[in-house]
Amino acid sequence: MRPLSFSPDSLRKLLRHDKIATLPDLKRALGTDVDLTVFRKLKDLDYLTSYSHSGRFYTLRGIARFGADGLWSCEPAWFSRYGTLRATAEAFIRSSVAGYFAEELSAILHVGVQDVLRYLVQQKRIARKLISSRFLYTSIDPAIRQRQRLARRSNQSVPTVVDASRLEVSPDEMKAAIILFYSLLDEQQRRLYAGLESMKLGHGGDSVLAEVLGLDPHTIARGRRQLLDQDVEVGRIRQSGAGRKPVEKKARSNRGHRNLAGTRHRRRSHHRHSLDPQDAGRNRRTAAATRYRDFGQHRGTTASQHGFFPPRKSQSHCHRL
């Protein structure tokens, strides 16, 4: 008995009409219940399998309209120019500017990639490095890997959890916008904002924000603790007792000293002006005469007692000589 002959044209016609199809759909179109027969006929058609849904959907390469990233979607399946999910993840990581974290690549490919990335690392097809408590996946090539890590470090200088390569503005513009917004905040708001962004960045976030915002890392850590402890006072910028000491206390103290000094001077001045000028002059002459007389007596007595000076001779004796 002559074996049945199957033409791949029936599969081509189905896929051009529906764009995608599952294996049961292809078997019905071909008229067979054998999976191997379908796959043998698909080889003649240059087909693709979806990298989503465990490769359950099929299409023709000529039907797919890949975007600039090499991906094409036909609800509900996703197809890649690179073929399988493993090949697609490896190609994306190898050609990336700054590597990918697992959640970033999952968001781009619209499927979970944790198991795929673990397999690729075990097979030494990609590399990974722990950064901010997460694994950064990079190319296995040392030169490319080094460039990707440096680019990632530069991107993280912008305090945001969004990958800077996917922003609609450049990292420099984003950084300038953040610094402008930061300058409009008061002291407490700056501290709390820095603490919030530090939590987003994870390990090492304090150092990154300290460099970008010009803050002390301890201030950022304090803002983070305030948010976690919900220790925020509405309407107060600084904590009670913080800041410079009031200037009024010092000024009041100085004023007290000045008043006391001024009182003494005024009292003496008032006493002097209350005396009669003639009495004041007479008193000064009397005091001077008394002082010099006492001094002469003390000098003469002491000198004569100790033999320092000879006895004083009278003036008449001097004239006679």
Protein backbone atom coordinates (compact mmCIF):
# COMPACT_ATOMS: atom_id res chain seq x y z
CA MET A 1 0.00 0.00 0.00
CA ARG A 2 1.38 3.40 -1.00
CA PRO A 3 2.05 5.66 2.06
CA LEU A 4 0.11 8.88 2.41
CA SER A 5 1.71 12.04 1.09
CA PHE A 6 1.40 15.34 2.99
CA SER A 7 2.04 18.71 1.45
CA PRO A 8 3.41 21.60 3.50
CA ASP A 9 1.25 23.98 1.50
CA SER A 10 -1.66 23.35 3.86
CA LEU A 11 0.50 24.50 6.78
CA ARG A 12 1.66 27.59 4.87
CA LYS A 13 -1.91 28.50 4.02
CA LEU A 14 -3.03 28.16 7.65
CA LEU A 15 -0.19 30.25 9.04
CA ARG A 16 -0.60 33.01 6.47
CA HIS A 17 -4.22 33.26 7.38
CA ASP A 18 -3.99 33.00 11.16
CA LYS A 19 -0.35 34.22 11.51
CA ILE A 20 0.21 31.89 14.46
CA ALA A 21 -0.96 28.37 15.28
CA THR A 22 -0.46 25.65 17.86
CA LEU A 23 0.64 22.08 17.17
CA PRO A 24 -2.93 20.68 17.30
CA ASP A 25 -3.97 23.31 14.74
CA LEU A 26 -1.14 22.28 12.41
CA LYS A 27 -1.97 18.59 12.71
CA ARG A 28 -5.57 19.22 11.78
CA ALA A 29 -4.53 21.33 8.79
CA LEU A 30 -2.09 18.63 7.65
CA GLY A 31 -4.48 15.76 8.31
CA THR A 32 -2.26 13.74 10.62
CA ASP A 33 -2.00 12.80 14.27
CA VAL A 34 1.77 12.34 14.22
CA ASP A 35 3.86 15.18 15.67
CA LEU A 36 6.97 14.12 13.78
CA THR A 37 5.17 14.47 10.45
CA VAL A 38 4.23 18.07 11.26
CA PHE A 39 7.79 18.99 12.25
CA ARG A 40 9.18 17.36 9.10
CA LYS A 41 6.91 19.52 6.96
CA LEU A 42 7.62 22.64 8.98
CA LYS A 43 11.32 22.33 8.18
CA ASP A 44 10.52 23.14 4.57
CA LEU A 45 8.74 26.39 5.55
CA ASP A 46 11.39 28.33 7.62
CA TYR A 47 9.20 28.51 10.71
CA LEU A 48 9.63 30.06 14.18
CA THR A 49 8.41 29.01 17.60
CA SER A 50 7.40 31.49 20.27
CA TYR A 51 9.85 32.07 23.09
CA SER A 52 6.86 32.66 25.39
CA HIS A 53 4.33 30.02 26.41
CA SER A 54 7.07 27.37 26.36
CA GLY A 55 7.31 27.50 22.56
CA ARG A 56 3.71 26.43 22.05
CA PHE A 57 2.98 28.79 19.12
CA TYR A 58 4.35 28.62 15.54
CA THR A 59 4.62 31.12 12.72
CA LEU A 60 6.56 31.71 9.51
CA ARG A 61 9.64 33.92 9.57
CA GLY A 62 8.27 35.87 6.62
CA ILE A 63 5.13 36.75 8.60
CA ALA A 64 6.86 38.16 11.67
CA ARG A 65 7.45 41.92 11.75
CA PHE A 66 10.32 42.32 14.18
CA GLY A 67 10.96 45.65 15.82
CA ALA A 68 14.30 47.32 16.42
CA ASP A 69 14.80 45.12 19.48
CA GLY A 70 14.22 41.95 17.41
CA LEU A 71 10.88 41.11 19.05
CA TRP A 72 7.42 40.62 17.56
CA SER A 73 4.13 39.94 19.30
CA CYS A 74 0.98 38.33 17.97
CA GLU A 75 -1.48 38.03 20.80
CA PRO A 76 -0.86 36.18 23.03
CA ALA A 77 2.56 34.93 21.90
CA TRP A 78 5.97 36.62 21.65
CA PHE A 79 8.54 35.77 18.96
CA SER A 80 12.19 36.69 18.66
CA ARG A 81 14.56 37.06 15.76
CA TYR A 82 17.03 35.04 17.82
CA GLY A 83 14.69 32.06 18.29
CA THR A 84 14.34 30.53 21.76
CA LEU A 85 14.17 32.34 25.08
CA ARG A 86 17.68 31.23 26.00
CA ALA A 87 19.12 32.51 22.74
CA THR A 88 17.14 35.74 23.05
CA ALA A 89 18.26 36.42 26.63
CA GLU A 90 21.88 35.72 25.73
CA ALA A 91 21.74 38.04 22.70
CA PHE A 92 20.13 40.86 24.70
CA ILE A 93 22.71 40.63 27.48
CA ARG A 94 25.63 40.41 25.08
CA SER A 95 24.55 43.51 23.15
CA SER A 96 23.38 45.58 26.13
CA VAL A 97 25.10 48.82 27.09
CA ALA A 98 25.11 48.24 30.84
CA GLY A 99 24.01 44.62 31.30
CA TYR A 100 20.66 43.70 32.84
CA PHE A 101 19.22 42.83 36.18
CA ALA A 102 16.76 39.93 36.00
CA GLU A 103 13.70 42.12 36.56
CA GLU A 104 14.80 44.54 33.85
CA LEU A 105 15.18 41.78 31.27
CA SER A 106 11.88 40.21 32.34
CA ALA A 107 10.10 43.52 31.77
CA ILE A 108 11.61 43.82 28.27
CA LEU A 109 10.89 40.25 27.18
CA HIS A 110 7.52 40.05 28.98
CA VAL A 111 8.37 36.67 30.50
CA GLY A 112 10.21 35.46 33.57
CA VAL A 113 13.89 34.84 32.95
CA GLN A 114 15.30 33.74 36.32
CA ASP A 115 15.65 30.06 35.38
CA VAL A 116 17.00 30.90 31.93
CA LEU A 117 19.66 33.23 33.34
CA ARG A 118 20.72 30.65 35.90
CA TYR A 119 21.12 28.07 33.13
CA LEU A 120 23.15 30.46 30.95
CA VAL A 121 25.48 31.25 33.86
CA GLN A 122 26.00 27.55 34.58
CA GLN A 123 26.81 26.98 30.91
CA LYS A 124 29.26 29.92 31.02
CA ARG A 125 27.41 31.70 28.24
CA ILE A 126 26.93 34.87 30.32
CA ALA A 127 28.52 36.32 33.49
CA ARG A 128 27.01 37.87 36.59
CA LYS A 129 28.14 40.12 39.45
CA LEU A 130 26.43 41.01 42.72
CA ILE A 131 25.62 44.75 42.75
CA SER A 132 23.36 46.41 45.33
CA SER A 133 22.17 42.99 46.59
CA ARG A 134 21.14 41.98 43.03
CA PHE A 135 22.91 40.08 40.25
CA LEU A 136 23.90 42.09 37.21
CA TYR A 137 24.12 39.85 34.13
CA THR A 138 26.74 40.78 31.55
CA SER A 139 28.59 39.37 28.59
CA ILE A 140 31.08 36.58 29.12
CA ASP A 141 33.64 38.48 27.06
CA PRO A 142 36.00 40.28 29.50
CA ALA A 143 36.29 43.51 27.48
CA ILE A 144 32.54 43.83 26.93
CA ARG A 145 31.83 42.87 30.54
CA GLN A 146 34.11 45.63 31.83
CA ARG A 147 32.44 48.27 29.65
CA GLN A 148 28.99 47.15 30.77
CA ARG A 149 29.89 47.35 34.46
CA LEU A 150 31.39 50.81 34.06
CA ALA A 151 28.28 51.98 32.20
CA ARG A 152 26.07 50.54 34.92
CA ARG A 153 28.06 52.39 37.57
CA SER A 154 27.61 55.63 35.61
CA ASN A 155 23.87 55.03 35.21
CA GLN A 156 23.50 54.47 38.94
CA SER A 157 24.86 57.96 39.61
CA VAL A 158 21.32 59.08 38.70
CA PRO A 159 19.33 58.31 41.87
CA THR A 160 16.40 56.45 40.31
CA VAL A 161 15.41 52.82 40.05
CA VAL A 162 14.59 53.18 36.37
CA ASP A 163 17.26 51.95 33.95
CA ALA A 164 18.78 55.16 32.54
CA SER A 165 19.11 53.53 29.10
CA ARG A 166 15.30 53.34 28.89
CA LEU A 167 14.60 56.95 29.89
CA GLU A 168 13.29 59.44 27.35
CA VAL A 169 15.92 61.93 28.52
CA SER A 170 19.65 61.61 28.95
CA PRO A 171 21.13 60.75 32.37
CA ASP A 172 22.63 64.25 32.60
CA GLU A 173 19.23 65.86 32.02
CA MET A 174 17.65 63.55 34.57
CA LYS A 175 20.34 64.39 37.10
CA ALA A 176 19.89 68.14 36.53
CA ALA A 177 16.12 67.82 37.00
CA ILE A 178 16.55 65.93 40.27
CA ILE A 179 19.02 68.49 41.63
CA LEU A 180 16.64 71.35 40.69
CA PHE A 181 13.74 69.62 42.45
CA TYR A 182 15.97 68.91 45.45
CA SER A 183 16.93 72.59 45.75
CA LEU A 184 13.26 73.56 46.24
CA LEU A 185 12.87 71.43 49.39
CA ASP A 186 13.47 72.51 52.97
CA GLU A 187 15.99 70.80 55.23
CA GLN A 188 13.69 68.05 56.52
CA GLN A 189 12.23 67.33 53.07
CA ARG A 190 15.73 67.02 51.59
CA ARG A 191 16.73 64.56 54.27
CA LEU A 192 13.58 62.46 53.80
CA TYR A 193 13.82 62.52 49.99
CA ALA A 194 17.42 61.36 50.13
CA GLY A 195 16.47 58.60 52.57
CA LEU A 196 13.67 57.40 50.26
CA GLU A 197 15.89 57.30 47.18
CA SER A 198 18.57 55.52 49.19
CA MET A 199 16.13 52.72 49.99
CA LYS A 200 15.35 52.40 46.27
CA LEU A 201 19.01 52.08 45.34
CA GLY A 202 19.75 49.55 48.07
CA HIS A 203 23.26 48.81 49.31
CA GLY A 204 25.65 51.65 48.54
CA GLY A 205 22.82 54.10 47.87
CA ASP A 206 23.97 56.49 50.62
CA SER A 207 27.35 57.01 48.94
CA VAL A 208 25.80 57.54 45.50
CA LEU A 209 23.31 60.12 46.78
CA ALA A 210 25.90 61.84 48.95
CA GLU A 211 27.98 62.50 45.84
CA VAL A 212 25.06 63.60 43.67
CA LEU A 213 23.21 65.76 46.21
CA GLY A 214 26.18 66.96 48.25
CA LEU A 215 24.84 65.51 51.50
CA ASP A 216 26.59 63.76 54.34
CA PRO A 217 25.90 59.97 54.26
CA HIS A 218 24.91 60.13 57.94
CA THR A 219 22.21 62.68 57.08
CA ILE A 220 20.83 60.34 54.40
CA ALA A 221 20.85 57.43 56.85
CA ARG A 222 18.97 59.57 59.40
CA GLY A 223 16.33 60.45 56.81
CA ARG A 224 15.92 56.77 55.98
CA ARG A 225 15.49 55.88 59.66
CA GLN A 226 12.91 58.65 60.09
CA LEU A 227 10.84 57.24 57.24
CA LEU A 228 11.08 53.65 58.45
CA ASP A 229 10.22 54.69 62.03
CA GLN A 230 7.60 57.19 60.80
CA ASP A 231 9.34 59.76 62.99
CA VAL A 232 8.42 62.87 61.00
CA GLU A 233 7.14 66.10 62.57
CA VAL A 234 4.79 68.02 60.31
CA GLY A 235 5.48 71.75 60.33
CA ARG A 236 8.92 71.40 61.92
CA ILE A 237 12.08 71.47 59.80
CA ARG A 238 14.65 70.65 62.49
CA GLN A 239 14.42 68.50 65.54
CA SER A 240 13.79 70.18 68.87
CA GLY A 241 17.03 71.70 70.19
CA ALA A 242 18.81 71.49 66.83
CA GLY A 243 20.40 74.37 64.96
CA ARG A 244 22.38 77.38 66.23
CA LYS A 245 21.89 78.81 69.68
CA PRO A 246 19.72 81.97 69.83
CA VAL A 247 21.68 85.19 69.47
CA GLU A 248 19.30 87.08 71.80
CA LYS A 249 20.62 85.32 74.92
CA LYS A 250 24.17 86.43 74.23
CA ALA A 251 23.09 89.96 73.35
CA ARG A 252 21.04 90.19 76.53
CA SER A 253 23.98 88.97 78.59
CA ASN A 254 26.30 91.54 77.03
CA ARG A 255 23.78 94.26 77.55
CA GLY A 256 23.67 93.40 81.25
CA HIS A 257 27.43 93.72 81.53
CA ARG A 258 27.36 97.04 79.73
CA ASN A 259 24.69 98.39 82.06
CA LEU A 260 26.67 97.41 85.13
CA ALA A 261 29.86 98.98 83.80
CA GLY A 262 28.03 102.10 82.74
CA THR A 263 26.48 102.42 86.18
CA ARG A 264 29.85 102.37 87.90
CA HIS A 265 31.32 104.96 85.54
CA ARG A 266 28.32 107.21 85.86
CA ARG A 267 28.49 107.00 89.65
CA ARG A 268 32.13 108.03 89.72
CA SER A 269 31.56 110.74 87.16
CA HIS A 270 28.63 112.12 89.14
CA HIS A 271 30.73 112.15 92.32
CA ARG A 272 33.54 114.09 90.69
CA HIS A 273 31.33 116.75 89.24
CA SER A 274 29.53 117.25 92.57
CA LEU A 275 32.74 118.61 94.23
CA ASP A 276 33.65 122.28 94.22
CA PRO A 277 36.68 122.89 91.95
CA GLN A 278 38.54 124.89 94.66
CA ASP A 279 37.93 122.19 97.27
CA ALA A 280 39.08 119.54 94.85
CA GLY A 281 42.35 121.38 94.15
CA ARG A 282 42.99 122.00 97.87
CA ASN A 283 42.37 118.36 98.66
CA ARG A 284 44.81 117.21 95.98
CA ARG A 285 47.60 119.51 97.29
CA THR A 286 47.05 118.38 100.85
CA ALA A 287 47.13 114.72 99.87
CA ALA A 288 50.36 115.19 97.86
CA ALA A 289 52.12 116.98 100.71
CA THR A 290 51.12 114.32 103.19
CA ARG A 291 52.30 111.54 100.89
CA TYR A 292 55.73 113.06 100.26
CA ARG A 293 56.22 113.90 103.98
CA ASP A 294 55.47 110.31 104.96
CA PHE A 295 57.76 109.04 102.28
CA GLY A 296 60.64 111.29 103.46
CA GLN A 297 60.20 110.19 107.04
CA HIS A 298 60.12 106.55 106.09
CA ARG A 299 63.15 106.96 103.80
CA GLY A 300 65.24 108.86 106.31
CA THR A 301 64.47 106.56 109.16
CA THR A 302 65.12 103.41 107.25
CA ALA A 303 68.30 104.64 105.58
CA SER A 304 69.85 105.94 108.77
CA GLN A 305 68.98 102.81 110.67
CA HIS A 306 70.70 100.59 108.16
CA GLY A 307 73.66 102.85 107.45
CA PHE A 308 72.90 103.47 103.79
CA PHE A 309 73.19 107.23 103.97
CA PRO A 310 75.27 109.54 106.20
CA PRO A 311 73.49 111.95 108.57
CA ARG A 312 72.10 114.97 106.77
CA LYS A 313 74.14 118.17 107.26
CA SER A 314 72.58 121.55 107.72
CA GLN A 315 72.67 124.22 105.06
CA SER A 316 74.66 126.58 107.30
CA HIS A 317 77.40 124.03 107.52
CA CYS A 318 77.51 123.82 103.75
CA HIS A 319 77.79 127.60 103.42
CA ARG A 320 80.62 127.75 105.91
CA LEU A 321 82.56 125.25 103.85
